[in-house]
Amino acid sequence: MRALKSFTTAIKEKGHIPIPRQLRALSNLENGRPVSLIPVGDAIIVVPGVPALDEGRRRMRRMLKESGMTVKEMVAGIKRERESIFKEIYGRKDR
């Protein structure tokens, strides 16, 4: 995105912040497209899309909720699975 003059806008009802048409066009921001708001000091950076890590966290939370598992149970299951895969790939070395 090329540098532009700064724009001034006002926070509207329910915390909505209008983004000028020219900025939306340059950033490919369309109605309904998700954006991430990243606080940096006393500024806020608006980034199109959702960071992959945030999306991964949401998916993990949803899977845990749907399965009824606790985080502790999930971590134990992952550990068992890793050990099983390691054993399958590398086998046991006899001494």
Protein backbone atom coordinates (compact mmCIF):
# COMPACT_ATOMS: atom_id res chain seq x y z
CA MET A 1 0.00 0.00 0.00
CA ARG A 2 1.43 3.36 -0.92
CA ALA A 3 1.67 6.17 1.61
CA LEU A 4 -1.28 8.54 1.77
CA LYS A 5 -2.23 11.55 3.76
CA SER A 6 -3.66 10.78 7.15
CA PHE A 7 -7.42 10.64 7.61
CA THR A 8 -9.49 11.65 10.60
CA THR A 9 -12.66 9.86 11.55
CA ALA A 10 -14.78 9.55 14.69
CA ILE A 11 -15.86 6.56 16.72
CA LYS A 12 -19.55 6.00 16.10
CA GLU A 13 -22.32 4.32 18.05
CA LYS A 14 -21.38 0.87 19.40
CA GLY A 15 -17.67 1.61 18.85
CA HIS A 16 -17.78 1.48 15.05
CA ILE A 17 -14.96 3.30 13.27
CA PRO A 18 -15.61 4.23 9.64
CA ILE A 19 -12.63 3.61 7.35
CA PRO A 20 -12.48 6.03 4.40
CA ARG A 21 -13.30 4.51 0.98
CA GLN A 22 -9.81 5.25 -0.40
CA LEU A 23 -8.12 3.31 2.43
CA ARG A 24 -10.59 0.41 2.12
CA ALA A 25 -9.88 0.17 -1.60
CA LEU A 26 -6.10 0.20 -1.14
CA SER A 27 -6.26 -2.49 1.55
CA ASN A 28 -8.91 -4.65 -0.14
CA LEU A 29 -11.20 -4.22 2.85
CA GLU A 30 -14.73 -5.22 1.89
CA ASN A 31 -17.94 -5.34 3.90
CA GLY A 32 -17.95 -8.36 6.17
CA ARG A 33 -14.23 -9.12 5.76
CA PRO A 34 -12.57 -9.84 9.12
CA VAL A 35 -9.81 -7.56 10.35
CA SER A 36 -7.44 -7.84 13.28
CA LEU A 37 -6.82 -4.93 15.61
CA ILE A 38 -3.33 -4.97 17.08
CA PRO A 39 -2.53 -2.56 19.93
CA VAL A 40 0.96 -1.05 19.65
CA GLY A 41 1.68 1.46 22.40
CA ASP A 42 -0.96 4.16 22.12
CA ALA A 43 -1.77 3.24 18.50
CA ILE A 44 -3.92 0.53 16.88
CA ILE A 45 -2.91 -1.25 13.70
CA VAL A 46 -5.73 -2.59 11.51
CA VAL A 47 -4.71 -5.70 9.55
CA PRO A 48 -6.94 -7.45 7.01
CA GLY A 49 -7.73 -11.05 7.93
CA VAL A 50 -7.20 -13.10 11.06
CA PRO A 51 -3.70 -14.13 12.14
CA ALA A 52 -3.14 -17.88 11.74
CA LEU A 53 -2.26 -18.32 15.42
CA ASP A 54 -5.54 -16.78 16.54
CA GLU A 55 -7.47 -19.01 14.15
CA GLY A 56 -5.58 -22.05 15.44
CA ARG A 57 -6.45 -21.16 19.03
CA ARG A 58 -10.12 -20.78 18.15
CA ARG A 59 -10.16 -24.17 16.44
CA MET A 60 -8.46 -25.84 19.41
CA ARG A 61 -10.95 -24.31 21.84
CA ARG A 62 -13.85 -25.45 19.67
CA MET A 63 -12.46 -29.01 19.40
CA LEU A 64 -11.93 -29.21 23.16
CA LYS A 65 -15.45 -27.97 23.84
CA GLU A 66 -17.00 -30.37 21.33
CA SER A 67 -15.01 -33.37 22.62
CA GLY A 68 -15.52 -32.59 26.31
CA MET A 69 -11.78 -33.07 26.92
CA THR A 70 -9.69 -30.98 29.26
CA VAL A 71 -6.44 -29.36 28.16
CA LYS A 72 -4.57 -31.78 30.42
CA GLU A 73 -6.21 -34.78 28.73
CA MET A 74 -5.44 -33.38 25.30
CA VAL A 75 -1.76 -32.81 26.14
CA ALA A 76 -1.49 -36.36 27.54
CA GLY A 77 -3.06 -37.73 24.34
CA ILE A 78 -0.65 -35.75 22.17
CA LYS A 79 2.28 -37.08 24.21
CA ARG A 80 1.07 -40.70 23.79
CA GLU A 81 0.59 -40.15 20.05
CA ARG A 82 4.08 -38.64 19.64
CA GLU A 83 5.63 -41.57 21.53
CA SER A 84 3.74 -44.04 19.35
CA ILE A 85 4.86 -42.33 16.13
CA PHE A 86 8.47 -42.11 17.36
CA LYS A 87 8.46 -45.82 18.19
CA GLU A 88 6.91 -46.67 14.81
CA ILE A 89 9.50 -44.64 12.89
CA TYR A 90 12.64 -45.39 14.91
CA GLY A 91 11.74 -48.63 16.67
CA ARG A 92 13.48 -49.80 19.78
CA LYS A 93 17.22 -50.21 19.85
CA ASP A 94 18.36 -53.34 21.66
CA ARG A 95 21.41 -52.93 23.83
